[in-house]
């Protein structure tokens, strides 16, 4: 266990940021699942709306450091490609 005040503070900060990051990552995963469920239903209009709602959440996750920026872009690209195949 930490003995110095600065080490104790660092532990508190780490725990707080860990909780925030876990919440953000969970939120991103939830929105991705909502888009995937909309794709499975087969309606491109609903899927497109779900992606429109999910996109800022995913990119915010990348901006805050929860996801790598390339990972966020890849997920969005693959989801939008799947929606595009629904439309044709």
PDB file of N, CA and C in Angstrom:
ATOM      1  N   UNK A   1       0.851  -1.183   0.000  1.00  0.00           N
ATOM      2  CA  UNK A   1       0.000   0.000   0.000  1.00  0.00           C
ATOM      3  C   UNK A   1       0.887   1.233   0.000  1.00  0.00           C
ATOM      4  N   UNK A   2       0.368   2.285  -0.607  1.00  0.00           N
ATOM      5  CA  UNK A   2       1.127   3.521  -0.731  1.00  0.00           C
ATOM      6  C   UNK A   2       1.258   4.207   0.622  1.00  0.00           C
ATOM      7  N   UNK A   3       2.434   4.785   0.845  1.00  0.00           N
ATOM      8  CA  UNK A   3       2.693   5.497   2.089  1.00  0.00           C
ATOM      9  C   UNK A   3       2.743   7.009   1.903  1.00  0.00           C
ATOM     10  N   UNK A   4       3.160   7.445   0.723  1.00  0.00           N
ATOM     11  CA  UNK A   4       3.294   8.881   0.489  1.00  0.00           C
ATOM     12  C   UNK A   4       1.957   9.469   0.046  1.00  0.00           C
ATOM     13  N   UNK A   5       1.764  10.717   0.367  1.00  0.00           N
ATOM     14  CA  UNK A   5       0.513  11.391   0.013  1.00  0.00           C
ATOM     15  C   UNK A   5       0.334  11.440  -1.494  1.00  0.00           C
ATOM     16  N   UNK A   6       1.424  11.681  -2.219  1.00  0.00           N
ATOM     17  CA  UNK A   6       1.319  11.768  -3.679  1.00  0.00           C
ATOM     18  C   UNK A   6       0.954  10.415  -4.283  1.00  0.00           C
ATOM     19  N   UNK A   7       1.463   9.342  -3.697  1.00  0.00           N
ATOM     20  CA  UNK A   7       1.129   8.004  -4.196  1.00  0.00           C
ATOM     21  C   UNK A   7      -0.329   7.664  -3.895  1.00  0.00           C
ATOM     22  N   UNK A   8      -0.805   8.080  -2.730  1.00  0.00           N
ATOM     23  CA  UNK A   8      -2.209   7.848  -2.387  1.00  0.00           C
ATOM     24  C   UNK A   8      -3.124   8.620  -3.337  1.00  0.00           C
ATOM     25  N   UNK A   9      -2.726   9.858  -3.647  1.00  0.00           N
ATOM     26  CA  UNK A   9      -3.507  10.667  -4.578  1.00  0.00           C
ATOM     27  C   UNK A   9      -3.520  10.021  -5.958  1.00  0.00           C
ATOM     28  N   UNK A  10      -2.372   9.498  -6.368  1.00  0.00           N
ATOM     29  CA  UNK A  10      -2.273   8.866  -7.679  1.00  0.00           C
ATOM     30  C   UNK A  10      -3.184   7.638  -7.762  1.00  0.00           C
ATOM     31  N   UNK A  11      -3.292   6.901  -6.674  1.00  0.00           N
ATOM     32  CA  UNK A  11      -4.186   5.743  -6.640  1.00  0.00           C
ATOM     33  C   UNK A  11      -5.640   6.190  -6.791  1.00  0.00           C
ATOM     34  N   UNK A  12      -6.004   7.273  -6.092  1.00  0.00           N
ATOM     35  CA  UNK A  12      -7.362   7.799  -6.217  1.00  0.00           C
ATOM     36  C   UNK A  12      -7.652   8.238  -7.655  1.00  0.00           C
ATOM     37  N   UNK A  13      -6.699   8.927  -8.267  1.00  0.00           N
ATOM     38  CA  UNK A  13      -6.880   9.398  -9.636  1.00  0.00           C
ATOM     39  C   UNK A  13      -7.013   8.234 -10.609  1.00  0.00           C
ATOM     40  N   UNK A  14      -6.193   7.217 -10.397  1.00  0.00           N
ATOM     41  CA  UNK A  14      -6.234   6.041 -11.273  1.00  0.00           C
ATOM     42  C   UNK A  14      -7.571   5.333 -11.164  1.00  0.00           C
ATOM     43  N   UNK A  15      -8.062   5.172  -9.938  1.00  0.00           N
ATOM     44  CA  UNK A  15      -9.359   4.518  -9.743  1.00  0.00           C
ATOM     45  C   UNK A  15     -10.482   5.311 -10.399  1.00  0.00           C
ATOM     46  N   UNK A  16     -10.423   6.625 -10.272  1.00  0.00           N
ATOM     47  CA  UNK A  16     -11.454   7.470 -10.868  1.00  0.00           C
ATOM     48  C   UNK A  16     -11.420   7.380 -12.387  1.00  0.00           C
ATOM     49  N   UNK A  17     -10.225   7.499 -12.971  1.00  0.00           N
ATOM     50  CA  UNK A  17     -10.134   7.454 -14.427  1.00  0.00           C
ATOM     51  C   UNK A  17     -10.480   6.071 -14.952  1.00  0.00           C
ATOM     52  N   UNK A  18     -10.160   5.032 -14.191  1.00  0.00           N
ATOM     53  CA  UNK A  18     -10.506   3.679 -14.595  1.00  0.00           C
ATOM     54  C   UNK A  18     -12.019   3.511 -14.660  1.00  0.00           C
ATOM     55  N   UNK A  19     -12.720   4.061 -13.691  1.00  0.00           N
ATOM     56  CA  UNK A  19     -14.180   3.981 -13.683  1.00  0.00           C
ATOM     57  C   UNK A  19     -14.777   4.739 -14.870  1.00  0.00           C
ATOM     58  N   UNK A  20     -14.242   5.905 -15.153  1.00  0.00           N
ATOM     59  CA  UNK A  20     -14.746   6.712 -16.265  1.00  0.00           C
ATOM     60  C   UNK A  20     -14.486   6.009 -17.593  1.00  0.00           C
ATOM     61  N   UNK A  21     -13.269   5.466 -17.754  1.00  0.00           N
ATOM     62  CA  UNK A  21     -12.924   4.798 -19.004  1.00  0.00           C
ATOM     63  C   UNK A  21     -13.751   3.534 -19.204  1.00  0.00           C
ATOM     64  N   UNK A  22     -14.001   2.801 -18.126  1.00  0.00           N
ATOM     65  CA  UNK A  22     -14.827   1.597 -18.232  1.00  0.00           C
ATOM     66  C   UNK A  22     -16.240   1.959 -18.669  1.00  0.00           C
ATOM     67  N   UNK A  23     -16.753   3.036 -18.116  1.00  0.00           N
ATOM     68  CA  UNK A  23     -18.087   3.491 -18.480  1.00  0.00           C
ATOM     69  C   UNK A  23     -18.140   3.907 -19.947  1.00  0.00           C
ATOM     70  N   UNK A  24     -17.133   4.627 -20.390  1.00  0.00           N
ATOM     71  CA  UNK A  24     -17.085   5.066 -21.791  1.00  0.00           C
ATOM     72  C   UNK A  24     -17.005   3.882 -22.739  1.00  0.00           C
ATOM     73  N   UNK A  25     -16.157   2.917 -22.415  1.00  0.00           N
ATOM     74  CA  UNK A  25     -16.000   1.753 -23.277  1.00  0.00           C
ATOM     75  C   UNK A  25     -17.291   0.940 -23.330  1.00  0.00           C
ATOM     76  N   UNK A  26     -17.960   0.823 -22.202  1.00  0.00           N
ATOM     77  CA  UNK A  26     -19.228   0.111 -22.158  1.00  0.00           C
ATOM     78  C   UNK A  26     -20.269   0.826 -23.017  1.00  0.00           C
ATOM     79  N   UNK A  27     -20.271   2.138 -22.960  1.00  0.00           N
ATOM     80  CA  UNK A  27     -21.208   2.933 -23.762  1.00  0.00           C
ATOM     81  C   UNK A  27     -20.946   2.731 -25.252  1.00  0.00           C
ATOM     82  N   UNK A  28     -19.688   2.717 -25.639  1.00  0.00           N
ATOM     83  CA  UNK A  28     -19.331   2.503 -27.043  1.00  0.00           C
ATOM     84  C   UNK A  28     -19.811   1.128 -27.493  1.00  0.00           C
ATOM     85  N   UNK A  29     -19.552   0.107 -26.689  1.00  0.00           N
ATOM     86  CA  UNK A  29     -19.967  -1.245 -27.039  1.00  0.00           C
ATOM     87  C   UNK A  29     -21.485  -1.348 -27.158  1.00  0.00           C
ATOM     88  N   UNK A  30     -22.203  -0.670 -26.273  1.00  0.00           N
ATOM     89  CA  UNK A  30     -23.661  -0.693 -26.311  1.00  0.00           C
ATOM     90  C   UNK A  30     -24.175  -0.104 -27.614  1.00  0.00           C
ATOM     91  N   UNK A  31     -23.613   1.014 -28.037  1.00  0.00           N
ATOM     92  CA  UNK A  31     -24.077   1.644 -29.259  1.00  0.00           C
ATOM     93  C   UNK A  31     -23.725   0.802 -30.485  1.00  0.00           C
ATOM     94  N   UNK A  32     -22.580   0.133 -30.462  1.00  0.00           N
ATOM     95  CA  UNK A  32     -22.218  -0.761 -31.562  1.00  0.00           C
ATOM     96  C   UNK A  32     -23.212  -1.916 -31.642  1.00  0.00           C
ATOM     97  N   UNK A  33     -23.583  -2.455 -30.481  1.00  0.00           N
ATOM     98  CA  UNK A  33     -24.556  -3.549 -30.458  1.00  0.00           C
ATOM     99  C   UNK A  33     -25.911  -3.097 -30.986  1.00  0.00           C
ATOM    100  N   UNK A  34     -26.294  -1.863 -30.679  1.00  0.00           N
ATOM    101  CA  UNK A  34     -27.575  -1.350 -31.179  1.00  0.00           C
ATOM    102  C   UNK A  34     -27.568  -1.270 -32.701  1.00  0.00           C
ATOM    103  N   UNK A  35     -26.446  -0.849 -33.274  1.00  0.00           N
ATOM    104  CA  UNK A  35     -26.336  -0.784 -34.733  1.00  0.00           C
ATOM    105  C   UNK A  35     -26.388  -2.189 -35.315  1.00  0.00           C
ATOM    106  N   UNK A  36     -25.679  -3.134 -34.702  1.00  0.00           N
ATOM    107  CA  UNK A  36     -25.672  -4.506 -35.207  1.00  0.00           C
ATOM    108  C   UNK A  36     -27.065  -5.140 -35.129  1.00  0.00           C
ATOM    109  N   UNK A  37     -27.804  -4.843 -34.077  1.00  0.00           N
ATOM    110  CA  UNK A  37     -29.164  -5.360 -33.964  1.00  0.00           C
ATOM    111  C   UNK A  37     -30.051  -4.763 -35.051  1.00  0.00           C
ATOM    112  N   UNK A  38     -29.861  -3.494 -35.350  1.00  0.00           N
ATOM    113  CA  UNK A  38     -30.638  -2.855 -36.404  1.00  0.00           C
ATOM    114  C   UNK A  38     -30.294  -3.460 -37.767  1.00  0.00           C
ATOM    115  N   UNK A  39     -29.028  -3.810 -37.965  1.00  0.00           N
ATOM    116  CA  UNK A  39     -28.618  -4.446 -39.217  1.00  0.00           C
ATOM    117  C   UNK A  39     -29.257  -5.827 -39.339  1.00  0.00           C
ATOM    118  N   UNK A  40     -29.291  -6.561 -38.232  1.00  0.00           N
ATOM    119  CA  UNK A  40     -29.878  -7.904 -38.252  1.00  0.00           C
ATOM    120  C   UNK A  40     -31.372  -7.874 -38.571  1.00  0.00           C
ATOM    121  N   UNK A  41     -32.046  -6.793 -38.180  1.00  0.00           N
ATOM    122  CA  UNK A  41     -33.474  -6.675 -38.495  1.00  0.00           C
ATOM    123  C   UNK A  41     -33.689  -6.527 -39.997  1.00  0.00           C
ATOM    124  N   UNK A  42     -32.688  -6.012 -40.693  1.00  0.00           N
ATOM    125  CA  UNK A  42     -32.762  -5.928 -42.147  1.00  0.00           C
ATOM    126  C   UNK A  42     -33.324  -4.634 -42.695  1.00  0.00           C
ATOM    127  N   UNK A  43     -33.603  -3.666 -41.849  1.00  0.00           N
ATOM    128  CA  UNK A  43     -34.136  -2.387 -42.319  1.00  0.00           C
ATOM    129  C   UNK A  43     -32.993  -1.375 -42.414  1.00  0.00           C
ATOM    130  N   UNK A  44     -32.611  -0.979 -43.627  1.00  0.00           N
ATOM    131  CA  UNK A  44     -31.470  -0.063 -43.760  1.00  0.00           C
ATOM    132  C   UNK A  44     -31.722   1.322 -43.167  1.00  0.00           C
ATOM    133  N   UNK A  45     -32.976   1.760 -43.168  1.00  0.00           N
ATOM    134  CA  UNK A  45     -33.275   3.097 -42.629  1.00  0.00           C
ATOM    135  C   UNK A  45     -33.021   3.145 -41.123  1.00  0.00           C
ATOM    136  N   UNK A  46     -33.509   2.138 -40.401  1.00  0.00           N
ATOM    137  CA  UNK A  46     -33.291   2.080 -38.953  1.00  0.00           C
ATOM    138  C   UNK A  46     -31.810   1.918 -38.642  1.00  0.00           C
ATOM    139  N   UNK A  47     -31.134   1.080 -39.433  1.00  0.00           N
ATOM    140  CA  UNK A  47     -29.703   0.844 -39.213  1.00  0.00           C
ATOM    141  C   UNK A  47     -28.897   2.120 -39.444  1.00  0.00           C
ATOM    142  N   UNK A  48     -29.296   2.881 -40.457  1.00  0.00           N
ATOM    143  CA  UNK A  48     -28.588   4.132 -40.752  1.00  0.00           C
ATOM    144  C   UNK A  48     -28.770   5.145 -39.618  1.00  0.00           C
ATOM    145  N   UNK A  49     -29.985   5.195 -39.079  1.00  0.00           N
ATOM    146  CA  UNK A  49     -30.241   6.103 -37.958  1.00  0.00           C
ATOM    147  C   UNK A  49     -29.442   5.677 -36.725  1.00  0.00           C
ATOM    148  N   UNK A  50     -29.372   4.383 -36.484  1.00  0.00           N
ATOM    149  CA  UNK A  50     -28.607   3.881 -35.337  1.00  0.00           C
ATOM    150  C   UNK A  50     -27.127   4.202 -35.502  1.00  0.00           C
ATOM    151  N   UNK A  51     -26.630   4.078 -36.725  1.00  0.00           N
ATOM    152  CA  UNK A  51     -25.224   4.409 -36.973  1.00  0.00           C
ATOM    153  C   UNK A  51     -24.986   5.908 -36.784  1.00  0.00           C
ATOM    154  N   UNK A  52     -25.938   6.723 -37.193  1.00  0.00           N
ATOM    155  CA  UNK A  52     -25.811   8.173 -37.012  1.00  0.00           C
ATOM    156  C   UNK A  52     -25.733   8.564 -35.545  1.00  0.00           C
ATOM    157  N   UNK A  53     -26.420   7.814 -34.696  1.00  0.00           N
ATOM    158  CA  UNK A  53     -26.371   8.081 -33.257  1.00  0.00           C
ATOM    159  C   UNK A  53     -25.082   7.520 -32.660  1.00  0.00           C
ATOM    160  N   UNK A  54     -24.637   6.380 -33.183  1.00  0.00           N
ATOM    161  CA  UNK A  54     -23.465   5.707 -32.617  1.00  0.00           C
ATOM    162  C   UNK A  54     -22.146   6.369 -33.024  1.00  0.00           C
ATOM    163  N   UNK A  55     -22.114   6.964 -34.183  1.00  0.00           N
ATOM    164  CA  UNK A  55     -20.859   7.502 -34.700  1.00  0.00           C
ATOM    165  C   UNK A  55     -20.202   8.525 -33.767  1.00  0.00           C
ATOM    166  N   UNK A  56     -20.917   9.530 -33.259  1.00  0.00           N
ATOM    167  CA  UNK A  56     -20.249  10.473 -32.359  1.00  0.00           C
ATOM    168  C   UNK A  56     -19.769   9.825 -31.065  1.00  0.00           C
ATOM    169  N   UNK A  57     -20.513   8.833 -30.589  1.00  0.00           N
ATOM    170  CA  UNK A  57     -20.117   8.161 -29.349  1.00  0.00           C
ATOM    171  C   UNK A  57     -18.819   7.385 -29.564  1.00  0.00           C
ATOM    172  N   UNK A  58     -18.723   6.693 -30.703  1.00  0.00           N
ATOM    173  CA  UNK A  58     -17.521   5.917 -31.004  1.00  0.00           C
ATOM    174  C   UNK A  58     -16.319   6.844 -31.192  1.00  0.00           C
ATOM    175  N   UNK A  59     -16.510   7.920 -31.923  1.00  0.00           N
ATOM    176  CA  UNK A  59     -15.390   8.830 -32.172  1.00  0.00           C
ATOM    177  C   UNK A  59     -14.984   9.570 -30.897  1.00  0.00           C
ATOM    178  N   UNK A  60     -15.944   9.829 -30.021  1.00  0.00           N
ATOM    179  CA  UNK A  60     -15.610  10.457 -28.742  1.00  0.00           C
ATOM    180  C   UNK A  60     -14.773   9.495 -27.895  1.00  0.00           C
ATOM    181  N   UNK A  61     -15.107   8.212 -27.974  1.00  0.00           N
ATOM    182  CA  UNK A  61     -14.310   7.211 -27.283  1.00  0.00           C
ATOM    183  C   UNK A  61     -12.880   7.197 -27.777  1.00  0.00           C
ATOM    184  N   UNK A  62     -12.702   7.365 -29.081  1.00  0.00           N
ATOM    185  CA  UNK A  62     -11.348   7.421 -29.644  1.00  0.00           C
ATOM    186  C   UNK A  62     -10.639   8.699 -29.202  1.00  0.00           C
ATOM    187  N   UNK A  63     -11.380   9.782 -29.165  1.00  0.00           N
ATOM    188  CA  UNK A  63     -10.792  11.063 -28.782  1.00  0.00           C
ATOM    189  C   UNK A  63     -10.353  11.055 -27.319  1.00  0.00           C
ATOM    190  N   UNK A  64     -11.113  10.376 -26.472  1.00  0.00           N
ATOM    191  CA  UNK A  64     -10.799  10.328 -25.048  1.00  0.00           C
ATOM    192  C   UNK A  64      -9.778   9.252 -24.705  1.00  0.00           C
ATOM    193  N   UNK A  65      -9.373   8.445 -25.680  1.00  0.00           N
ATOM    194  CA  UNK A  65      -8.325   7.470 -25.438  1.00  0.00           C
ATOM    195  C   UNK A  65      -8.812   6.098 -25.009  1.00  0.00           C
ATOM    196  N   UNK A  66     -10.125   5.868 -25.094  1.00  0.00           N
ATOM    197  CA  UNK A  66     -10.658   4.565 -24.729  1.00  0.00           C
ATOM    198  C   UNK A  66     -10.416   3.566 -25.869  1.00  0.00           C
ATOM    199  N   UNK A  67     -10.550   4.046 -27.098  1.00  0.00           N
ATOM    200  CA  UNK A  67     -10.276   3.251 -28.284  1.00  0.00           C
ATOM    201  C   UNK A  67      -9.155   3.908 -29.069  1.00  0.00           C
ATOM    202  N   UNK A  68      -8.409   3.089 -29.802  1.00  0.00           N
ATOM    203  CA  UNK A  68      -7.427   3.650 -30.728  1.00  0.00           C
ATOM    204  C   UNK A  68      -8.202   4.297 -31.879  1.00  0.00           C
ATOM    205  N   UNK A  69      -7.747   5.426 -32.378  1.00  0.00           N
ATOM    206  CA  UNK A  69      -8.494   6.105 -33.449  1.00  0.00           C
ATOM    207  C   UNK A  69      -8.719   5.230 -34.680  1.00  0.00           C
ATOM    208  N   UNK A  70      -7.721   4.425 -35.044  1.00  0.00           N
ATOM    209  CA  UNK A  70      -7.889   3.544 -36.200  1.00  0.00           C
ATOM    210  C   UNK A  70      -8.932   2.463 -35.924  1.00  0.00           C
ATOM    211  N   UNK A  71      -9.010   2.001 -34.685  1.00  0.00           N
ATOM    212  CA  UNK A  71     -10.005   0.999 -34.318  1.00  0.00           C
ATOM    213  C   UNK A  71     -11.404   1.583 -34.465  1.00  0.00           C
ATOM    214  N   UNK A  72     -11.585   2.793 -33.997  1.00  0.00           N
ATOM    215  CA  UNK A  72     -12.897   3.445 -34.104  1.00  0.00           C
ATOM    216  C   UNK A  72     -13.274   3.633 -35.567  1.00  0.00           C
ATOM    217  N   UNK A  73     -12.337   4.087 -36.373  1.00  0.00           N
ATOM    218  CA  UNK A  73     -12.611   4.288 -37.797  1.00  0.00           C
ATOM    219  C   UNK A  73     -12.929   2.962 -38.478  1.00  0.00           C
ATOM    220  N   UNK A  74     -12.189   1.918 -38.116  1.00  0.00           N
ATOM    221  CA  UNK A  74     -12.426   0.601 -38.707  1.00  0.00           C
ATOM    222  C   UNK A  74     -13.824   0.087 -38.361  1.00  0.00           C
ATOM    223  N   UNK A  75     -14.224   0.252 -37.102  1.00  0.00           N
ATOM    224  CA  UNK A  75     -15.551  -0.211 -36.681  1.00  0.00           C
ATOM    225  C   UNK A  75     -16.644   0.535 -37.439  1.00  0.00           C
ATOM    226  N   UNK A  76     -16.502   1.849 -37.548  1.00  0.00           N
ATOM    227  CA  UNK A  76     -17.494   2.633 -38.267  1.00  0.00           C
ATOM    228  C   UNK A  76     -17.541   2.246 -39.745  1.00  0.00           C
ATOM    229  N   UNK A  77     -16.382   2.037 -40.319  1.00  0.00           N
ATOM    230  CA  UNK A  77     -16.313   1.673 -41.729  1.00  0.00           C
ATOM    231  C   UNK A  77     -16.990   0.334 -41.985  1.00  0.00           C
ATOM    232  N   UNK A  78     -16.726  -0.631 -41.132  1.00  0.00           N
ATOM    233  CA  UNK A  78     -17.312  -1.959 -41.325  1.00  0.00           C
ATOM    234  C   UNK A  78     -18.818  -1.947 -41.096  1.00  0.00           C
ATOM    235  N   UNK A  79     -19.264  -1.174 -40.110  1.00  0.00           N
ATOM    236  CA  UNK A  79     -20.705  -1.074 -39.873  1.00  0.00           C
ATOM    237  C   UNK A  79     -21.403  -0.402 -41.054  1.00  0.00           C
ATOM    238  N   UNK A  80     -20.814   0.669 -41.566  1.00  0.00           N
ATOM    239  CA  UNK A  80     -21.438   1.369 -42.681  1.00  0.00           C
ATOM    240  C   UNK A  80     -21.408   0.508 -43.947  1.00  0.00           C
ATOM    241  N   UNK A  81     -20.375  -0.323 -44.117  1.00  0.00           N
ATOM    242  CA  UNK A  81     -20.323  -1.234 -45.262  1.00  0.00           C
ATOM    243  C   UNK A  81     -21.429  -2.280 -45.161  1.00  0.00           C
ATOM    244  N   UNK A  82     -21.672  -2.759 -43.943  1.00  0.00           N
ATOM    245  CA  UNK A  82     -22.750  -3.729 -43.765  1.00  0.00           C
ATOM    246  C   UNK A  82     -24.113  -3.117 -44.037  1.00  0.00           C
ATOM    247  N   UNK A  83     -24.278  -1.849 -43.653  1.00  0.00           N
ATOM    248  CA  UNK A  83     -25.543  -1.160 -43.918  1.00  0.00           C
ATOM    249  C   UNK A  83     -25.705  -0.944 -45.429  1.00  0.00           C
ATOM    250  N   UNK A  84     -24.617  -0.663 -46.088  1.00  0.00           N
ATOM    251  CA  UNK A  84     -24.659  -0.438 -47.528  1.00  0.00           C
ATOM    252  C   UNK A  84     -25.081  -1.696 -48.271  1.00  0.00           C
ATOM    253  N   UNK A  85     -24.651  -2.858 -47.775  1.00  0.00           N
ATOM    254  CA  UNK A  85     -25.071  -4.100 -48.437  1.00  0.00           C
ATOM    255  C   UNK A  85     -26.563  -4.368 -48.233  1.00  0.00           C
ATOM    256  N   UNK A  86     -27.113  -3.856 -47.123  1.00  0.00           N
ATOM    257  CA  UNK A  86     -28.554  -3.994 -46.897  1.00  0.00           C
ATOM    258  C   UNK A  86     -29.347  -3.212 -47.936  1.00  0.00           C
ATOM    259  N   UNK A  87     -28.834  -2.056 -48.304  1.00  0.00           N
ATOM    260  CA  UNK A  87     -29.560  -1.174 -49.207  1.00  0.00           C
ATOM    261  C   UNK A  87     -29.614  -1.723 -50.635  1.00  0.00           C
ATOM    262  N   UNK A  88     -28.605  -2.490 -51.014  1.00  0.00           N
ATOM    263  CA  UNK A  88     -28.592  -2.988 -52.398  1.00  0.00           C
ATOM    264  C   UNK A  88     -29.313  -4.313 -52.551  1.00  0.00           C
TER     265      UNK A  88
END
